[in-house]
Amino acid sequence: MSMTETVSKRATLIIASITAFITPFMGSSINIALPALERALDANAVLLSWVATAYLLAVAVSLVPSGRMADIYGRKKIFTTGIIIFSFFSLLSGFSMSVSMLIFLRVFQGIGGAMIFATSIAILTSVFPPQERGKALGINVAAVYTGLSLGPFLGGLLTQYLTWRSVFWIHVPLGLVVILLVFWKLKGEWAESRGERFDRIGTLIYAVSIIAMGISLLSALKGFWLLIFGLGIIGMILFVKVELRISNPVFDLRLFSTNRLFAFSSLAALINYSATFAVTFLLSLYLQQVRGLNPQAAGLILVSQPVMMVLCSPFAGRLSDRIEPRIVASIGMTATTLSLLIFLFLDERSSFFFIIMNLAFLGVGLALFSSPNTNAIMGSVERRFYGLASGAVGTMRTLGMMISMCITALVFTLFLGPVQITPEHFRAFMRSFRMAFIIFSLLCLGGIFSSLIRGSLRENNRPGR
């Protein structure tokens, strides 16, 4: 009896779905708590963006090596370690006495999050056969969006009644539940690349390069940011050369040159997250600072987007089991682009109904894109690359999130500056808001093209699955 046959699919799906819920819940609940955090820790708009971006930068650095370590040492082992780290630093983050301390702790929380991201989808793909994979991934994506849905609402309640610190502490019992379920229900291990060497040199080059580019983008217009960014680019070029020459790279870049479906599906994911992640961040500030809503009311408006994601994602996943994922995902990317363009017309007097309806439309577009696109990525590689592909999914998502926040931080730096968002700066904030959505719309327009030309999953040669 194979490993897949001995593992309970239901237990695996429950464990993966709980962790898929936790990490986006953290992100969306923190977004709604940002104004309270700004007041409590005396942080400006640029520092606020670092609270989110430090976490994303750590995840981006750690995802690729975490995926590779999971293939070599075991996905369950890396997954469990990630849950423990994430929960522990969530606890510590709630005790932060300054924004600098919080940013520092968020880095370690991001490392734990990366270990979760890099393994949960790989474990699901290892357990579920191709004909059931879209359905399982659709449920998993629905769990992600449930976290996004409840984040603004529960985050608003927690912030309003128990302070922003409770937004971090609530993840500790959730993490403990997952740890207990893993030891109780998740039997077996997956390590198809066991015995291969781990590429430490490539990992170091990759980490330094990503950190350099991320820090330089967030420090734009200050000092030697362009030089640091250039060093990051040089580092990435060196990383590519090193990875193509060794037999067991930390990230097998040959997949991008030999597997069209994997390459363009990954690019589409990168573009989609780059264009959409900062939407909640920007709207949270708009609703609470410009429109004067409290955290709970703002959360109720923002919840309309992820609610539609939850409702539509299982359907989109099942649809991609029957219809070519490229078609479903491209329709979703098109709807997402239209929604971002509509937000350009938002002003200080826009109706809340208009915002809710467009967020719901955005949610439908994201649901139609996400699970079919993930199905295409995971279905395009051999079993021994599941950890790498899962890491690639997480890397594209996290790099996209980081790019989205870097774009936002850069726009804030150019149009707003290091000031708190008070009435005298509302006009500058709205200029920043619209410029960010112009950039996001153009990005997503390019994403439609990437999604359409990826090729067919049904025709892709998939030995060993």
Protein backbone atom coordinates (compact mmCIF):
# COMPACT_ATOMS: atom_id res chain seq x y z
CA MET A 1 0.00 0.00 0.00
CA SER A 2 1.45 3.37 -1.03
CA MET A 3 1.97 6.33 1.29
CA THR A 4 -0.92 8.16 -0.37
CA GLU A 5 -3.29 5.27 0.34
CA THR A 6 -2.37 5.02 4.02
CA VAL A 7 -2.92 8.70 4.81
CA SER A 8 -6.39 9.98 5.59
CA LYS A 9 -7.29 12.50 2.91
CA ARG A 10 -9.86 14.15 5.17
CA ALA A 11 -7.41 14.64 8.06
CA THR A 12 -4.76 16.03 5.72
CA LEU A 13 -7.24 18.45 4.17
CA ILE A 14 -8.40 19.65 7.60
CA ILE A 15 -4.84 20.28 8.81
CA ALA A 16 -3.81 22.02 5.58
CA SER A 17 -6.98 24.12 5.60
CA ILE A 18 -6.51 25.30 9.21
CA THR A 19 -2.98 26.48 8.43
CA ALA A 20 -4.23 27.99 5.17
CA PHE A 21 -6.66 29.97 7.34
CA ILE A 22 -4.17 31.13 9.99
CA THR A 23 -1.62 33.01 7.90
CA PRO A 24 -4.01 35.17 5.80
CA PHE A 25 -6.09 35.80 8.91
CA MET A 26 -2.94 37.23 10.49
CA GLY A 27 -2.31 39.52 7.51
CA SER A 28 -5.86 40.82 7.10
CA SER A 29 -6.48 41.31 10.83
CA ILE A 30 -3.24 43.28 11.16
CA ASN A 31 -4.27 45.53 8.27
CA ILE A 32 -7.40 46.57 10.15
CA ALA A 33 -5.37 47.12 13.33
CA LEU A 34 -2.80 49.40 11.67
CA PRO A 35 -4.35 52.75 12.62
CA ALA A 36 -4.56 51.66 16.28
CA LEU A 37 -0.99 50.37 16.10
CA GLU A 38 0.05 53.69 14.52
CA ARG A 39 -1.32 55.60 17.52
CA ALA A 40 -0.09 53.17 20.18
CA LEU A 41 3.48 52.87 18.91
CA ASP A 42 3.76 56.37 17.34
CA ALA A 43 4.46 55.03 13.83
CA ASN A 44 4.21 56.95 10.55
CA ALA A 45 2.74 55.64 7.27
CA VAL A 46 6.09 54.41 5.93
CA LEU A 47 6.92 52.50 9.14
CA LEU A 48 3.44 50.97 9.07
CA SER A 49 4.17 49.49 5.66
CA TRP A 50 7.31 47.91 7.18
CA VAL A 51 5.18 46.01 9.72
CA ALA A 52 3.63 44.11 6.81
CA THR A 53 6.67 44.09 4.54
CA ALA A 54 9.22 42.77 7.09
CA TYR A 55 7.08 39.65 7.45
CA LEU A 56 6.69 39.29 3.69
CA LEU A 57 10.41 39.81 3.10
CA ALA A 58 11.26 37.06 5.58
CA VAL A 59 8.75 34.72 3.93
CA ALA A 60 10.14 35.51 0.47
CA VAL A 61 13.69 34.74 1.61
CA SER A 62 12.74 31.51 3.39
CA LEU A 63 10.19 29.91 1.04
CA VAL A 64 12.54 28.51 -1.58
CA PRO A 65 14.97 26.85 0.88
CA SER A 66 12.02 25.62 2.99
CA GLY A 67 10.48 23.89 -0.03
CA ARG A 68 13.77 22.25 -0.92
CA MET A 69 14.41 21.14 2.68
CA ALA A 70 10.91 19.66 2.75
CA ASP A 71 11.68 17.52 -0.32
CA ILE A 72 14.95 16.32 1.24
CA TYR A 73 14.19 15.99 4.96
CA GLY A 74 10.41 15.51 4.94
CA ARG A 75 7.44 17.78 4.37
CA LYS A 76 5.71 16.89 7.63
CA LYS A 77 8.87 17.71 9.62
CA ILE A 78 9.31 21.15 8.05
CA PHE A 79 5.57 21.84 8.28
CA THR A 80 5.47 21.08 12.02
CA THR A 81 8.58 23.16 12.72
CA GLY A 82 7.01 26.07 10.87
CA ILE A 83 3.81 25.93 12.93
CA ILE A 84 5.82 25.97 16.18
CA ILE A 85 7.96 28.96 15.10
CA PHE A 86 4.97 30.90 13.78
CA SER A 87 2.96 30.41 16.98
CA PHE A 88 5.86 31.28 19.30
CA PHE A 89 6.70 34.56 17.56
CA SER A 90 3.01 35.47 17.31
CA LEU A 91 2.99 35.33 21.10
CA LEU A 92 6.10 37.50 21.38
CA SER A 93 4.84 40.03 18.80
CA GLY A 94 1.89 40.83 21.02
CA PHE A 95 4.32 42.05 23.71
CA SER A 96 6.08 44.54 21.39
CA MET A 97 6.90 47.85 23.07
CA SER A 98 7.95 49.69 19.89
CA VAL A 99 7.35 49.47 16.17
CA SER A 100 11.02 48.49 15.68
CA MET A 101 10.63 45.56 18.06
CA LEU A 102 7.46 44.46 16.27
CA ILE A 103 9.15 44.61 12.86
CA PHE A 104 12.06 42.52 14.22
CA LEU A 105 9.75 39.83 15.63
CA ARG A 106 7.71 39.78 12.43
CA VAL A 107 10.83 38.60 10.58
CA PHE A 108 10.93 35.38 12.62
CA GLN A 109 7.19 34.98 12.32
CA GLY A 110 7.72 35.15 8.56
CA ILE A 111 10.30 32.35 8.65
CA GLY A 112 7.75 30.11 10.35
CA GLY A 113 5.10 31.17 7.85
CA ALA A 114 7.40 30.26 4.97
CA MET A 115 7.87 26.74 6.30
CA ILE A 116 4.07 26.38 6.41
CA PHE A 117 3.54 27.82 2.91
CA ALA A 118 6.25 25.65 1.37
CA THR A 119 4.80 22.37 2.63
CA SER A 120 1.01 22.52 3.06
CA ILE A 121 0.14 22.54 -0.66
CA ALA A 122 2.87 19.95 -1.36
CA ILE A 123 1.39 17.61 1.27
CA LEU A 124 -2.09 18.03 -0.22
CA THR A 125 -0.77 17.34 -3.71
CA SER A 126 1.07 14.26 -2.45
CA VAL A 127 -2.11 12.83 -0.93
CA PHE A 128 -4.75 13.68 -3.53
CA PRO A 129 -4.63 12.14 -7.05
CA PRO A 130 -4.76 14.47 -10.10
CA GLN A 131 -8.49 13.94 -10.72
CA GLU A 132 -9.31 15.15 -7.16
CA ARG A 133 -6.57 17.74 -6.81
CA GLY A 134 -8.50 20.75 -8.09
CA LYS A 135 -11.32 20.13 -5.60
CA ALA A 136 -8.87 19.78 -2.67
CA LEU A 137 -6.93 22.88 -3.70
CA GLY A 138 -10.21 24.76 -4.12
CA ILE A 139 -11.20 23.94 -0.54
CA ASN A 140 -7.71 24.93 0.62
CA VAL A 141 -7.95 28.25 -1.22
CA ALA A 142 -11.42 28.75 0.31
CA ALA A 143 -9.79 28.35 3.73
CA VAL A 144 -7.27 31.04 2.78
CA TYR A 145 -10.09 33.38 1.90
CA THR A 146 -12.04 32.47 5.03
CA GLY A 147 -9.02 33.79 6.94
CA LEU A 148 -9.10 36.90 4.81
CA SER A 149 -12.86 37.22 5.39
CA LEU A 150 -12.80 36.88 9.16
CA GLY A 151 -9.58 38.89 9.54
CA PRO A 152 -11.08 42.37 9.02
CA PHE A 153 -14.22 41.61 11.06
CA LEU A 154 -12.64 39.74 14.00
CA GLY A 155 -9.52 41.91 13.78
CA GLY A 156 -11.74 44.98 14.08
CA LEU A 157 -13.52 43.52 17.12
CA LEU A 158 -10.26 42.45 18.77
CA THR A 159 -8.63 45.82 18.13
CA GLN A 160 -11.63 47.79 19.34
CA TYR A 161 -12.24 45.81 22.53
CA LEU A 162 -8.96 44.01 23.39
CA THR A 163 -6.29 46.26 21.74
CA TRP A 164 -4.17 45.49 18.70
CA ARG A 165 -2.00 43.05 20.70
CA SER A 166 -4.80 40.49 20.79
CA VAL A 167 -4.58 40.24 16.98
CA PHE A 168 -1.25 38.44 17.47
CA TRP A 169 -2.16 36.44 20.56
CA ILE A 170 -5.24 34.82 19.00
CA HIS A 171 -2.96 32.80 16.70
CA VAL A 172 -1.30 30.97 19.57
CA PRO A 173 -4.22 28.65 20.46
CA LEU A 174 -4.92 28.09 16.74
CA GLY A 175 -1.29 27.02 16.27
CA LEU A 176 -1.48 24.66 19.24
CA VAL A 177 -4.58 23.00 17.75
CA VAL A 178 -2.72 22.39 14.49
CA ILE A 179 0.32 20.94 16.30
CA LEU A 180 -1.92 18.49 18.19
CA LEU A 181 -3.71 17.46 14.99
CA VAL A 182 -0.41 16.89 13.17
CA PHE A 183 0.91 14.50 15.83
CA TRP A 184 -2.47 12.81 16.23
CA LYS A 185 -3.72 12.48 12.65
CA LEU A 186 -0.98 13.20 10.11
CA LYS A 187 0.77 9.85 9.74
CA GLY A 188 3.67 9.27 7.41
CA GLU A 189 6.31 11.47 5.79
CA TRP A 190 7.02 12.68 2.25
CA ALA A 191 10.63 13.15 1.09
CA GLU A 192 11.06 12.05 -2.54
CA SER A 193 14.47 13.80 -2.70
CA ARG A 194 15.83 12.22 0.49
CA GLY A 195 19.61 11.84 0.39
CA GLU A 196 20.26 14.76 -1.98
CA ARG A 197 22.52 17.58 -0.81
CA PHE A 198 21.08 20.90 0.30
CA ASP A 199 22.44 23.87 -1.65
CA ARG A 200 23.70 26.24 1.07
CA ILE A 201 25.64 28.58 -1.25
CA GLY A 202 22.65 29.12 -3.53
CA THR A 203 20.42 29.71 -0.51
CA LEU A 204 22.78 32.37 0.86
CA ILE A 205 23.05 34.20 -2.49
CA TYR A 206 19.27 34.10 -2.92
CA ALA A 207 18.61 35.42 0.60
CA VAL A 208 21.06 38.32 0.32
CA SER A 209 19.70 39.28 -3.11
CA ILE A 210 16.05 39.29 -2.04
CA ILE A 211 16.83 41.28 1.12
CA ALA A 212 18.87 43.84 -0.84
CA MET A 213 16.13 44.40 -3.42
CA GLY A 214 13.36 44.57 -0.81
CA ILE A 215 15.19 47.04 1.45
CA SER A 216 16.24 49.23 -1.49
CA LEU A 217 12.67 49.48 -2.82
CA LEU A 218 11.35 50.45 0.59
CA SER A 219 14.17 52.98 1.02
CA ALA A 220 13.71 54.56 -2.40
CA LEU A 221 14.90 58.15 -2.79
CA LYS A 222 17.12 57.79 0.29
CA GLY A 223 20.91 57.55 0.07
CA PHE A 224 22.34 54.63 -1.86
CA TRP A 225 19.04 52.77 -2.52
CA LEU A 226 19.75 52.44 -6.25
CA LEU A 227 23.20 50.95 -5.58
CA ILE A 228 21.72 48.43 -3.11
CA PHE A 229 19.02 47.49 -5.62
CA GLY A 230 21.70 47.01 -8.30
CA LEU A 231 23.65 44.72 -6.00
CA GLY A 232 20.46 42.73 -5.44
CA ILE A 233 19.98 42.33 -9.20
CA ILE A 234 23.61 41.25 -9.63
CA GLY A 235 23.08 38.74 -6.82
CA MET A 236 20.02 37.28 -8.58
CA ILE A 237 22.00 36.92 -11.82
CA LEU A 238 24.75 35.13 -9.88
CA PHE A 239 22.10 32.93 -8.23
CA VAL A 240 20.74 31.88 -11.64
CA LYS A 241 24.24 31.00 -12.90
CA VAL A 242 25.08 28.98 -9.79
CA GLU A 243 21.75 27.10 -9.80
CA LEU A 244 22.07 26.12 -13.46
CA ARG A 245 25.54 24.61 -12.91
CA ILE A 246 24.99 22.38 -9.88
CA SER A 247 23.25 19.01 -9.80
CA ASN A 248 21.04 19.58 -6.72
CA PRO A 249 20.07 23.29 -6.71
CA VAL A 250 17.93 24.82 -3.98
CA PHE A 251 15.59 25.95 -6.77
CA ASP A 252 15.68 24.01 -10.05
CA LEU A 253 15.45 26.95 -12.47
CA ARG A 254 15.43 24.55 -15.42
CA LEU A 255 11.71 24.16 -14.75
CA PHE A 256 11.22 27.72 -15.97
CA SER A 257 13.07 27.12 -19.24
CA THR A 258 11.76 23.61 -19.99
CA ASN A 259 8.23 23.77 -18.56
CA ARG A 260 6.17 26.52 -20.21
CA LEU A 261 3.07 25.77 -18.14
CA PHE A 262 4.97 26.02 -14.85
CA ALA A 263 6.81 29.19 -15.91
CA PHE A 264 3.84 31.24 -17.10
CA SER A 265 1.50 30.01 -14.35
CA SER A 266 4.10 31.13 -11.78
CA LEU A 267 4.46 34.49 -13.54
CA ALA A 268 0.69 34.95 -13.57
CA ALA A 269 0.57 34.27 -9.82
CA LEU A 270 3.37 36.78 -9.19
CA ILE A 271 1.56 39.48 -11.18
CA ASN A 272 -1.81 38.78 -9.57
CA TYR A 273 -0.52 39.12 -6.02
CA SER A 274 1.62 42.14 -6.94
CA ALA A 275 -1.50 43.88 -8.20
CA THR A 276 -3.95 42.97 -5.44
CA PHE A 277 -2.32 42.38 -2.05
CA ALA A 278 -2.08 46.07 -1.02
CA VAL A 279 -5.76 46.71 -1.85
CA THR A 280 -6.90 45.83 1.70
CA PHE A 281 -4.05 47.86 3.22
CA LEU A 282 -4.99 50.95 1.20
CA LEU A 283 -8.74 50.62 1.72
CA SER A 284 -8.28 50.05 5.46
CA LEU A 285 -6.45 53.38 5.74
CA TYR A 286 -8.98 55.09 3.45
CA LEU A 287 -12.03 53.86 5.36
CA GLN A 288 -10.68 54.60 8.84
CA GLN A 289 -8.59 57.72 8.26
CA VAL A 290 -10.34 59.50 5.39
CA ARG A 291 -13.93 58.34 6.01
CA GLY A 292 -13.66 58.14 9.81
CA LEU A 293 -15.01 54.61 10.32
CA ASN A 294 -14.06 52.58 13.40
CA PRO A 295 -12.14 49.29 12.93
CA GLN A 296 -15.26 47.14 13.23
CA ALA A 297 -17.22 49.09 10.59
CA ALA A 298 -14.24 49.16 8.22
CA GLY A 299 -13.80 45.41 8.69
CA LEU A 300 -17.44 44.76 7.78
CA ILE A 301 -16.97 46.59 4.48
CA LEU A 302 -13.65 44.91 3.65
CA VAL A 303 -15.07 41.46 4.37
CA SER A 304 -17.13 41.55 1.16
CA GLN A 305 -14.09 40.67 -0.98
CA PRO A 306 -12.90 37.51 0.83
CA VAL A 307 -16.50 36.34 1.40
CA MET A 308 -16.94 36.09 -2.36
CA MET A 309 -13.59 34.28 -2.56
CA VAL A 310 -14.78 31.71 -0.02
CA LEU A 311 -18.04 31.13 -1.89
CA CYS A 312 -16.46 30.88 -5.35
CA SER A 313 -13.10 29.14 -4.75
CA PRO A 314 -14.38 25.53 -4.32
CA PHE A 315 -16.47 25.97 -7.47
CA ALA A 316 -13.45 27.36 -9.36
CA GLY A 317 -11.28 24.46 -8.16
CA ARG A 318 -13.81 21.83 -9.28
CA LEU A 319 -14.24 23.69 -12.57
CA SER A 320 -10.49 23.47 -13.22
CA ASP A 321 -10.70 19.66 -12.83
CA ARG A 322 -13.09 19.60 -15.81
CA ILE A 323 -12.13 22.66 -17.86
CA GLU A 324 -8.62 23.76 -18.79
CA PRO A 325 -7.28 25.82 -15.80
CA ARG A 326 -5.81 28.39 -18.21
CA ILE A 327 -9.30 29.42 -19.35
CA VAL A 328 -10.81 29.73 -15.86
CA ALA A 329 -7.77 31.58 -14.47
CA SER A 330 -7.66 34.03 -17.40
CA ILE A 331 -11.31 34.95 -16.88
CA GLY A 332 -10.51 35.57 -13.22
CA MET A 333 -7.50 37.76 -14.08
CA THR A 334 -9.66 39.82 -16.46
CA ALA A 335 -12.32 40.40 -13.78
CA THR A 336 -9.59 41.40 -11.31
CA THR A 337 -8.19 43.97 -13.76
CA LEU A 338 -11.61 45.57 -14.28
CA SER A 339 -12.17 45.81 -10.53
CA LEU A 340 -8.83 47.55 -9.97
CA LEU A 341 -9.65 50.05 -12.73
CA ILE A 342 -13.01 50.82 -11.08
CA PHE A 343 -11.24 51.75 -7.82
CA LEU A 344 -9.60 54.66 -9.67
CA PHE A 345 -12.94 56.46 -9.42
CA LEU A 346 -13.04 56.27 -5.62
CA ASP A 347 -13.01 59.65 -3.84
CA GLU A 348 -13.76 61.15 -0.43
CA ARG A 349 -17.54 60.97 -1.03
CA SER A 350 -17.94 57.57 -2.72
CA SER A 351 -20.80 55.47 -1.37
CA PHE A 352 -19.98 52.49 0.80
CA PHE A 353 -22.31 50.38 -1.38
CA PHE A 354 -20.07 51.15 -4.38
CA ILE A 355 -17.00 50.01 -2.44
CA ILE A 356 -18.69 46.82 -1.20
CA MET A 357 -19.94 45.83 -4.67
CA ASN A 358 -16.55 46.38 -6.30
CA LEU A 359 -14.76 44.46 -3.54
CA ALA A 360 -17.21 41.59 -4.13
CA PHE A 361 -16.44 41.73 -7.86
CA LEU A 362 -12.72 41.66 -7.06
CA GLY A 363 -13.32 38.63 -4.83
CA VAL A 364 -14.99 36.72 -7.68
CA GLY A 365 -12.07 37.50 -9.99
CA LEU A 366 -9.47 36.38 -7.45
CA ALA A 367 -11.36 33.16 -6.72
CA LEU A 368 -11.61 32.26 -10.40
CA PHE A 369 -7.87 32.85 -10.78
CA SER A 370 -6.26 31.40 -7.64
CA SER A 371 -7.22 27.73 -7.29
CA PRO A 372 -7.13 26.95 -11.06
CA ASN A 373 -3.73 28.61 -11.30
CA THR A 374 -2.40 26.65 -8.31
CA ASN A 375 -3.81 23.47 -9.86
CA ALA A 376 -1.89 24.25 -13.07
CA ILE A 377 1.40 24.83 -11.20
CA MET A 378 1.21 21.71 -9.04
CA GLY A 379 -0.02 19.57 -11.92
CA SER A 380 2.83 20.60 -14.20
CA VAL A 381 5.70 18.96 -12.24
CA GLU A 382 6.79 15.48 -11.17
CA ARG A 383 6.18 14.18 -7.62
CA ARG A 384 9.78 14.74 -6.56
CA PHE A 385 9.33 18.47 -7.28
CA TYR A 386 6.11 18.91 -5.25
CA GLY A 387 7.93 20.68 -2.42
CA LEU A 388 9.74 22.92 -4.88
CA ALA A 389 6.50 23.67 -6.75
CA SER A 390 4.67 24.35 -3.48
CA GLY A 391 7.54 26.65 -2.53
CA ALA A 392 7.24 28.31 -5.94
CA VAL A 393 3.52 28.93 -5.35
CA GLY A 394 4.33 30.48 -1.98
CA THR A 395 7.30 32.39 -3.37
CA MET A 396 5.29 33.94 -6.19
CA ARG A 397 2.55 34.83 -3.71
CA THR A 398 4.95 36.32 -1.18
CA LEU A 399 7.17 38.13 -3.70
CA GLY A 400 3.97 39.51 -5.22
CA MET A 401 2.75 40.66 -1.80
CA MET A 402 6.14 42.22 -1.12
CA ILE A 403 6.18 43.97 -4.51
CA SER A 404 2.65 45.23 -3.86
CA MET A 405 3.66 46.70 -0.50
CA CYS A 406 6.91 48.08 -1.95
CA ILE A 407 4.93 49.85 -4.68
CA THR A 408 2.62 51.26 -2.01
CA ALA A 409 5.52 52.37 0.20
CA LEU A 410 7.26 53.99 -2.78
CA VAL A 411 4.09 55.82 -3.80
CA PHE A 412 3.62 57.00 -0.19
CA THR A 413 7.23 58.22 -0.14
CA LEU A 414 6.75 60.17 -3.38
CA PHE A 415 3.32 61.69 -2.75
CA LEU A 416 2.79 61.65 1.03
CA GLY A 417 6.10 61.47 2.89
CA PRO A 418 6.80 60.25 6.45
CA VAL A 419 3.70 61.84 7.98
CA GLN A 420 0.65 60.52 9.79
CA ILE A 421 -2.55 60.47 7.74
CA THR A 422 -4.37 63.48 9.19
CA PRO A 423 -7.02 65.72 7.52
CA GLU A 424 -4.45 68.16 6.13
CA HIS A 425 -2.80 65.26 4.28
CA PHE A 426 -5.98 63.60 2.93
CA ARG A 427 -5.54 65.07 -0.55
CA ALA A 428 -1.96 63.77 -0.78
CA PHE A 429 -3.13 60.37 0.49
CA MET A 430 -5.81 60.16 -2.22
CA ARG A 431 -3.21 61.02 -4.89
CA SER A 432 -1.07 58.17 -3.56
CA PHE A 433 -4.14 55.91 -3.49
CA ARG A 434 -5.02 56.53 -7.16
CA MET A 435 -1.43 56.23 -8.37
CA ALA A 436 -1.11 52.85 -6.66
CA PHE A 437 -4.28 51.59 -8.37
CA ILE A 438 -3.06 52.83 -11.77
CA ILE A 439 0.11 50.78 -11.34
CA PHE A 440 -1.83 47.74 -10.08
CA SER A 441 -4.26 47.89 -13.02
CA LEU A 442 -1.44 47.99 -15.56
CA LEU A 443 0.29 45.05 -13.86
CA CYS A 444 -2.87 42.95 -13.92
CA LEU A 445 -3.44 43.78 -17.58
CA GLY A 446 -0.07 42.16 -18.31
CA GLY A 447 -1.11 39.23 -16.15
CA ILE A 448 -3.98 38.40 -18.51
CA PHE A 449 -1.46 37.87 -21.32
CA SER A 450 0.77 35.67 -19.12
CA SER A 451 -2.23 33.56 -18.11
CA LEU A 452 -3.45 33.05 -21.68
CA ILE A 453 -0.15 31.91 -23.23
CA ARG A 454 0.84 29.38 -20.54
CA GLY A 455 -0.27 26.27 -22.48
CA SER A 456 -2.57 23.38 -21.60
CA LEU A 457 -2.43 21.27 -18.42
CA ARG A 458 -4.28 18.45 -20.17
CA GLU A 459 -1.64 18.26 -22.91
CA ASN A 460 1.34 18.74 -20.59
CA ASN A 461 3.57 15.68 -20.25
CA ARG A 462 3.42 14.74 -16.55
CA PRO A 463 5.40 11.58 -15.86
CA GLY A 464 5.48 10.18 -12.34
CA ARG A 465 2.28 11.78 -11.04
